[in-house]
Amino acid sequence: MYLPAHFSEERIDVMHGLIERHPLGALVRVDGDGLAADHLPFELAPASSEAPQGLLRAHVARANPLWRQDGAAVLAIFQGPSGYVSPELYDLQAVEGRAVPTWNYAVVHAHGRLRVVDDTEWLLAHMRRATRRQEAAHGRGWSVDDAPPDYIAKLVRATVGIEIAIGRLQGKWKTSQNRGEEERARIAHATGMTSLGSSILY
């Protein structure tokens, strides 16, 4: 990823915050046909001695060839808020009209190696945690255990877990850092990027 220093976000807690708010990641890998990508909702486990930058967990259908690449190098891409920036949001008089449109965004790239987890108890625990988190975030209370046990057991048998110990994190926050304070406020409001947790807005 092209990453000018003034757009770089290096704080792990800020990058983790984006992943937790936008957990659907694009998992990119190389397979026999070249580059391949799967779009998966990830659970982020806190940093530990084994994974000082965090641990990503997800699950895929057993029919998905992804899980057969145990040990492969992978890249998970998480896209946060983004928006089109019109030149009309700038102080055009100050620059004598010399302005063009751009696009503001916040993204995190998580690099690591795929580890396959083919374990029923692990899968059930992961599914319960991930469901609880999303249900709570949306003000709902459905639980995996609300479904018939035989139905869940059948689904789990058709599923494989994956883990990625994050080896390298890159964050890019392109949020009009090169503009004045009033312009940045207008742009943040217009693009809906007024709240990025504790991240740098400009």
C-alpha atoms as a PDB file:
ATOM      1  CA  MET A   1       0.000   0.000   0.000  1.00  0.00           C
ATOM      2  CA  TYR A   2       1.301   3.442  -0.924  1.00  0.00           C
ATOM      3  CA  LEU A   3       1.571   5.150   2.452  1.00  0.00           C
ATOM      4  CA  PRO A   4       2.851   8.745   2.679  1.00  0.00           C
ATOM      5  CA  ALA A   5       4.044   9.522   6.211  1.00  0.00           C
ATOM      6  CA  HIS A   6       1.346  12.163   6.809  1.00  0.00           C
ATOM      7  CA  PHE A   7      -1.417   9.586   6.150  1.00  0.00           C
ATOM      8  CA  SER A   8       0.151   6.827   8.257  1.00  0.00           C
ATOM      9  CA  GLU A   9      -1.640   5.598  11.388  1.00  0.00           C
ATOM     10  CA  GLU A  10       0.666   3.500  13.579  1.00  0.00           C
ATOM     11  CA  ARG A  11      -1.258   3.181  16.850  1.00  0.00           C
ATOM     12  CA  ILE A  12      -2.341  -0.431  17.296  1.00  0.00           C
ATOM     13  CA  ASP A  13      -5.363   0.461  19.435  1.00  0.00           C
ATOM     14  CA  VAL A  14      -6.658   2.843  16.749  1.00  0.00           C
ATOM     15  CA  MET A  15      -6.207   0.264  13.989  1.00  0.00           C
ATOM     16  CA  HIS A  16      -7.848  -2.390  16.165  1.00  0.00           C
ATOM     17  CA  GLY A  17     -10.750   0.016  16.705  1.00  0.00           C
ATOM     18  CA  LEU A  18     -11.367   0.251  12.957  1.00  0.00           C
ATOM     19  CA  ILE A  19     -11.301  -3.551  12.604  1.00  0.00           C
ATOM     20  CA  GLU A  20     -13.781  -3.953  15.457  1.00  0.00           C
ATOM     21  CA  ARG A  21     -16.183  -1.373  13.986  1.00  0.00           C
ATOM     22  CA  HIS A  22     -15.807  -2.685  10.420  1.00  0.00           C
ATOM     23  CA  PRO A  23     -15.112  -6.436  10.831  1.00  0.00           C
ATOM     24  CA  LEU A  24     -15.858  -7.521   7.254  1.00  0.00           C
ATOM     25  CA  GLY A  25     -12.404  -8.015   5.785  1.00  0.00           C
ATOM     26  CA  ALA A  26     -11.158  -8.973   2.333  1.00  0.00           C
ATOM     27  CA  LEU A  27      -8.727 -11.860   2.867  1.00  0.00           C
ATOM     28  CA  VAL A  28      -6.245 -11.946  -0.021  1.00  0.00           C
ATOM     29  CA  ARG A  29      -3.972 -14.867  -0.828  1.00  0.00           C
ATOM     30  CA  VAL A  30      -2.229 -16.533  -3.767  1.00  0.00           C
ATOM     31  CA  ASP A  31      -3.650 -19.820  -4.976  1.00  0.00           C
ATOM     32  CA  GLY A  32      -3.112 -21.981  -8.062  1.00  0.00           C
ATOM     33  CA  ASP A  33      -4.915 -19.481 -10.299  1.00  0.00           C
ATOM     34  CA  GLY A  34      -3.136 -16.394  -8.960  1.00  0.00           C
ATOM     35  CA  LEU A  35      -4.605 -13.904  -6.506  1.00  0.00           C
ATOM     36  CA  ALA A  36      -7.817 -14.841  -4.713  1.00  0.00           C
ATOM     37  CA  ALA A  37      -9.919 -13.007  -2.123  1.00  0.00           C
ATOM     38  CA  ASP A  38     -12.608 -14.041   0.349  1.00  0.00           C
ATOM     39  CA  HIS A  39     -14.824 -11.581   2.219  1.00  0.00           C
ATOM     40  CA  LEU A  40     -15.222 -12.675   5.834  1.00  0.00           C
ATOM     41  CA  PRO A  41     -16.447 -11.133   9.087  1.00  0.00           C
ATOM     42  CA  PHE A  42     -13.547 -11.379  11.526  1.00  0.00           C
ATOM     43  CA  GLU A  43     -13.377 -11.552  15.284  1.00  0.00           C
ATOM     44  CA  LEU A  44     -10.382  -9.670  16.706  1.00  0.00           C
ATOM     45  CA  ALA A  45      -8.781 -11.196  19.788  1.00  0.00           C
ATOM     46  CA  PRO A  46      -6.630  -8.909  21.980  1.00  0.00           C
ATOM     47  CA  ALA A  47      -2.870  -8.805  21.683  1.00  0.00           C
ATOM     48  CA  SER A  48      -1.005 -11.555  23.515  1.00  0.00           C
ATOM     49  CA  SER A  49       2.550 -12.833  23.848  1.00  0.00           C
ATOM     50  CA  GLU A  50       1.937 -15.153  20.867  1.00  0.00           C
ATOM     51  CA  ALA A  51       0.290 -12.409  18.790  1.00  0.00           C
ATOM     52  CA  PRO A  52       1.494  -8.998  20.018  1.00  0.00           C
ATOM     53  CA  GLN A  53      -0.440  -7.172  17.278  1.00  0.00           C
ATOM     54  CA  GLY A  54      -3.637  -9.172  17.744  1.00  0.00           C
ATOM     55  CA  LEU A  55      -5.271 -12.316  16.413  1.00  0.00           C
ATOM     56  CA  LEU A  56      -7.973 -12.549  13.748  1.00  0.00           C
ATOM     57  CA  ARG A  57     -10.499 -15.396  13.804  1.00  0.00           C
ATOM     58  CA  ALA A  58     -13.107 -16.381  11.243  1.00  0.00           C
ATOM     59  CA  HIS A  59     -14.756 -19.439   9.724  1.00  0.00           C
ATOM     60  CA  VAL A  60     -15.409 -20.612   6.181  1.00  0.00           C
ATOM     61  CA  ALA A  61     -17.471 -23.281   4.496  1.00  0.00           C
ATOM     62  CA  ARG A  62     -15.670 -26.611   4.243  1.00  0.00           C
ATOM     63  CA  ALA A  63     -16.279 -26.377   0.488  1.00  0.00           C
ATOM     64  CA  ASN A  64     -14.124 -23.222   0.373  1.00  0.00           C
ATOM     65  CA  PRO A  65     -10.555 -24.141  -0.742  1.00  0.00           C
ATOM     66  CA  LEU A  66      -9.142 -21.346   1.434  1.00  0.00           C
ATOM     67  CA  TRP A  67      -8.785 -23.602   4.473  1.00  0.00           C
ATOM     68  CA  ARG A  68      -6.567 -26.004   2.555  1.00  0.00           C
ATOM     69  CA  GLN A  69      -3.820 -23.349   2.491  1.00  0.00           C
ATOM     70  CA  ASP A  70      -2.702 -23.784   6.088  1.00  0.00           C
ATOM     71  CA  GLY A  71       0.462 -21.723   6.656  1.00  0.00           C
ATOM     72  CA  ALA A  72      -0.029 -19.498   3.606  1.00  0.00           C
ATOM     73  CA  ALA A  73       0.848 -15.807   3.752  1.00  0.00           C
ATOM     74  CA  VAL A  74      -2.352 -13.744   3.715  1.00  0.00           C
ATOM     75  CA  LEU A  75      -3.457 -10.117   3.819  1.00  0.00           C
ATOM     76  CA  ALA A  76      -6.723  -9.027   5.466  1.00  0.00           C
ATOM     77  CA  ILE A  77      -7.961  -5.607   4.325  1.00  0.00           C
ATOM     78  CA  PHE A  78     -10.447  -3.673   6.457  1.00  0.00           C
ATOM     79  CA  GLN A  79     -12.183  -0.651   4.942  1.00  0.00           C
ATOM     80  CA  GLY A  80     -13.465   1.988   7.328  1.00  0.00           C
ATOM     81  CA  PRO A  81     -15.444   5.153   6.527  1.00  0.00           C
ATOM     82  CA  SER A  82     -14.830   6.792   3.179  1.00  0.00           C
ATOM     83  CA  GLY A  83     -16.271   9.554   1.060  1.00  0.00           C
ATOM     84  CA  TYR A  84     -15.940  11.709  -2.025  1.00  0.00           C
ATOM     85  CA  VAL A  85     -14.453  15.162  -1.460  1.00  0.00           C
ATOM     86  CA  SER A  86     -15.733  17.867  -3.808  1.00  0.00           C
ATOM     87  CA  PRO A  87     -13.596  20.965  -4.461  1.00  0.00           C
ATOM     88  CA  GLU A  88     -16.670  22.945  -3.355  1.00  0.00           C
ATOM     89  CA  LEU A  89     -15.765  21.964   0.222  1.00  0.00           C
ATOM     90  CA  TYR A  90     -12.467  23.877  -0.035  1.00  0.00           C
ATOM     91  CA  ASP A  91     -11.799  27.577   0.325  1.00  0.00           C
ATOM     92  CA  LEU A  92     -11.490  28.025  -3.445  1.00  0.00           C
ATOM     93  CA  GLN A  93     -10.724  31.733  -3.264  1.00  0.00           C
ATOM     94  CA  ALA A  94      -7.630  31.063  -1.171  1.00  0.00           C
ATOM     95  CA  VAL A  95      -6.233  28.728  -3.826  1.00  0.00           C
ATOM     96  CA  GLU A  96      -7.551  30.746  -6.809  1.00  0.00           C
ATOM     97  CA  GLY A  97      -9.659  27.764  -7.907  1.00  0.00           C
ATOM     98  CA  ARG A  98      -6.691  25.407  -8.086  1.00  0.00           C
ATOM     99  CA  ALA A  99      -8.380  22.306  -6.653  1.00  0.00           C
ATOM    100  CA  VAL A 100      -9.566  18.923  -7.836  1.00  0.00           C
ATOM    101  CA  PRO A 101     -11.792  16.233  -6.276  1.00  0.00           C
ATOM    102  CA  THR A 102     -10.339  13.473  -4.121  1.00  0.00           C
ATOM    103  CA  TRP A 103     -11.479  10.587  -1.943  1.00  0.00           C
ATOM    104  CA  ASN A 104     -10.939  10.337   1.800  1.00  0.00           C
ATOM    105  CA  TYR A 105     -10.809   6.985   3.590  1.00  0.00           C
ATOM    106  CA  ALA A 106      -9.460   4.968   6.473  1.00  0.00           C
ATOM    107  CA  VAL A 107      -8.111   1.432   5.953  1.00  0.00           C
ATOM    108  CA  VAL A 108      -6.148  -1.184   7.853  1.00  0.00           C
ATOM    109  CA  HIS A 109      -4.017  -3.934   6.296  1.00  0.00           C
ATOM    110  CA  ALA A 110      -3.272  -6.938   8.520  1.00  0.00           C
ATOM    111  CA  HIS A 111      -0.533  -9.301   7.323  1.00  0.00           C
ATOM    112  CA  GLY A 112       0.033 -12.781   8.719  1.00  0.00           C
ATOM    113  CA  ARG A 113      -0.111 -16.501   8.078  1.00  0.00           C
ATOM    114  CA  LEU A 114      -3.217 -18.634   7.900  1.00  0.00           C
ATOM    115  CA  ARG A 115      -3.745 -21.271  10.568  1.00  0.00           C
ATOM    116  CA  VAL A 116      -6.543 -23.777  10.103  1.00  0.00           C
ATOM    117  CA  VAL A 117      -8.616 -24.813  13.130  1.00  0.00           C
ATOM    118  CA  ASP A 118     -10.742 -27.881  12.418  1.00  0.00           C
ATOM    119  CA  ASP A 119     -12.242 -28.217  15.879  1.00  0.00           C
ATOM    120  CA  THR A 120     -15.946 -28.328  16.782  1.00  0.00           C
ATOM    121  CA  GLU A 121     -15.603 -26.766  20.243  1.00  0.00           C
ATOM    122  CA  TRP A 122     -13.415 -23.942  18.905  1.00  0.00           C
ATOM    123  CA  LEU A 123     -15.925 -23.238  16.132  1.00  0.00           C
ATOM    124  CA  LEU A 124     -18.926 -23.169  18.467  1.00  0.00           C
ATOM    125  CA  ALA A 125     -17.179 -20.877  20.938  1.00  0.00           C
ATOM    126  CA  HIS A 126     -16.090 -18.555  18.105  1.00  0.00           C
ATOM    127  CA  MET A 127     -19.585 -18.457  16.573  1.00  0.00           C
ATOM    128  CA  ARG A 128     -21.183 -17.737  19.946  1.00  0.00           C
ATOM    129  CA  ARG A 129     -18.774 -14.879  20.701  1.00  0.00           C
ATOM    130  CA  ALA A 130     -19.062 -13.325  17.247  1.00  0.00           C
ATOM    131  CA  THR A 131     -22.863 -13.583  17.270  1.00  0.00           C
ATOM    132  CA  ARG A 132     -23.157 -12.099  20.770  1.00  0.00           C
ATOM    133  CA  ARG A 133     -21.018  -9.140  19.757  1.00  0.00           C
ATOM    134  CA  GLN A 134     -22.947  -8.380  16.585  1.00  0.00           C
ATOM    135  CA  GLU A 135     -26.368  -8.935  18.151  1.00  0.00           C
ATOM    136  CA  ALA A 136     -25.483  -6.568  21.009  1.00  0.00           C
ATOM    137  CA  ALA A 137     -24.151  -3.962  18.569  1.00  0.00           C
ATOM    138  CA  HIS A 138     -27.487  -3.999  16.735  1.00  0.00           C
ATOM    139  CA  GLY A 139     -29.635  -4.034  19.865  1.00  0.00           C
ATOM    140  CA  ARG A 140     -30.799  -7.599  19.385  1.00  0.00           C
ATOM    141  CA  GLY A 141     -30.485 -10.728  21.489  1.00  0.00           C
ATOM    142  CA  TRP A 142     -30.518 -13.795  19.247  1.00  0.00           C
ATOM    143  CA  SER A 143     -28.124 -16.546  20.330  1.00  0.00           C
ATOM    144  CA  VAL A 144     -26.611 -19.498  18.475  1.00  0.00           C
ATOM    145  CA  ASP A 145     -28.261 -21.656  21.140  1.00  0.00           C
ATOM    146  CA  ASP A 146     -31.699 -20.405  20.051  1.00  0.00           C
ATOM    147  CA  ALA A 147     -31.437 -22.563  16.918  1.00  0.00           C
ATOM    148  CA  PRO A 148     -32.129 -26.331  17.050  1.00  0.00           C
ATOM    149  CA  PRO A 149     -28.986 -28.192  18.272  1.00  0.00           C
ATOM    150  CA  ASP A 150     -29.023 -30.695  15.401  1.00  0.00           C
ATOM    151  CA  TYR A 151     -29.190 -27.835  12.886  1.00  0.00           C
ATOM    152  CA  ILE A 152     -26.190 -26.054  14.475  1.00  0.00           C
ATOM    153  CA  ALA A 153     -24.262 -29.332  14.689  1.00  0.00           C
ATOM    154  CA  LYS A 154     -24.802 -29.902  10.963  1.00  0.00           C
ATOM    155  CA  LEU A 155     -23.607 -26.396  10.115  1.00  0.00           C
ATOM    156  CA  VAL A 156     -20.521 -26.713  12.309  1.00  0.00           C
ATOM    157  CA  ARG A 157     -19.554 -29.963  10.580  1.00  0.00           C
ATOM    158  CA  ALA A 158     -19.704 -28.090   7.273  1.00  0.00           C
ATOM    159  CA  THR A 159     -17.435 -25.303   8.580  1.00  0.00           C
ATOM    160  CA  VAL A 160     -13.721 -24.845   9.246  1.00  0.00           C
ATOM    161  CA  GLY A 161     -12.128 -22.210  11.478  1.00  0.00           C
ATOM    162  CA  ILE A 162      -9.161 -20.020  10.606  1.00  0.00           C
ATOM    163  CA  GLU A 163      -6.815 -17.872  12.670  1.00  0.00           C
ATOM    164  CA  ILE A 164      -4.307 -15.243  11.620  1.00  0.00           C
ATOM    165  CA  ALA A 165      -1.721 -14.049  14.118  1.00  0.00           C
ATOM    166  CA  ILE A 166      -1.124 -10.518  12.860  1.00  0.00           C
ATOM    167  CA  GLY A 167       2.533 -10.108  12.016  1.00  0.00           C
ATOM    168  CA  ARG A 168       2.305  -6.600  10.582  1.00  0.00           C
ATOM    169  CA  LEU A 169      -0.359  -3.883  10.723  1.00  0.00           C
ATOM    170  CA  GLN A 170      -0.576  -0.879   8.410  1.00  0.00           C
ATOM    171  CA  GLY A 171      -3.088   1.907   8.847  1.00  0.00           C
ATOM    172  CA  LYS A 172      -3.843   4.672   6.368  1.00  0.00           C
ATOM    173  CA  TRP A 173      -6.049   7.586   7.390  1.00  0.00           C
ATOM    174  CA  LYS A 174      -6.448   9.940   4.409  1.00  0.00           C
ATOM    175  CA  THR A 175      -8.542  12.669   6.004  1.00  0.00           C
ATOM    176  CA  SER A 176      -7.528  15.975   4.383  1.00  0.00           C
ATOM    177  CA  GLN A 177      -4.582  16.518   6.713  1.00  0.00           C
ATOM    178  CA  ASN A 178      -3.268  19.107   4.217  1.00  0.00           C
ATOM    179  CA  ARG A 179      -6.286  21.422   4.668  1.00  0.00           C
ATOM    180  CA  GLY A 180      -7.160  24.127   7.178  1.00  0.00           C
ATOM    181  CA  GLU A 181      -9.251  23.442  10.264  1.00  0.00           C
ATOM    182  CA  GLU A 182     -12.531  24.848   8.882  1.00  0.00           C
ATOM    183  CA  GLU A 183     -12.094  22.946   5.618  1.00  0.00           C
ATOM    184  CA  ARG A 184     -11.359  19.716   7.495  1.00  0.00           C
ATOM    185  CA  ALA A 185     -14.512  20.138   9.578  1.00  0.00           C
ATOM    186  CA  ARG A 186     -16.642  20.688   6.440  1.00  0.00           C
ATOM    187  CA  ILE A 187     -15.063  17.704   4.698  1.00  0.00           C
ATOM    188  CA  ALA A 188     -15.453  15.404   7.716  1.00  0.00           C
ATOM    189  CA  HIS A 189     -19.154  16.342   7.967  1.00  0.00           C
ATOM    190  CA  ALA A 190     -19.786  15.954   4.218  1.00  0.00           C
ATOM    191  CA  THR A 191     -18.060  12.562   4.002  1.00  0.00           C
ATOM    192  CA  GLY A 192     -19.534  11.196   7.241  1.00  0.00           C
ATOM    193  CA  MET A 193     -16.024  10.788   8.662  1.00  0.00           C
ATOM    194  CA  THR A 194     -16.709  12.850  11.780  1.00  0.00           C
ATOM    195  CA  SER A 195     -16.193   9.900  14.124  1.00  0.00           C
ATOM    196  CA  LEU A 196     -13.208   7.599  13.723  1.00  0.00           C
ATOM    197  CA  GLY A 197     -12.799   6.664  17.364  1.00  0.00           C
ATOM    198  CA  SER A 198      -9.597   8.142  18.741  1.00  0.00           C
ATOM    199  CA  SER A 199      -7.982   8.273  15.318  1.00  0.00           C
ATOM    200  CA  ILE A 200      -6.409  11.283  13.687  1.00  0.00           C
ATOM    201  CA  LEU A 201      -9.075  13.181  11.755  1.00  0.00           C
ATOM    202  CA  TYR A 202      -6.531  15.706  10.457  1.00  0.00           C
END
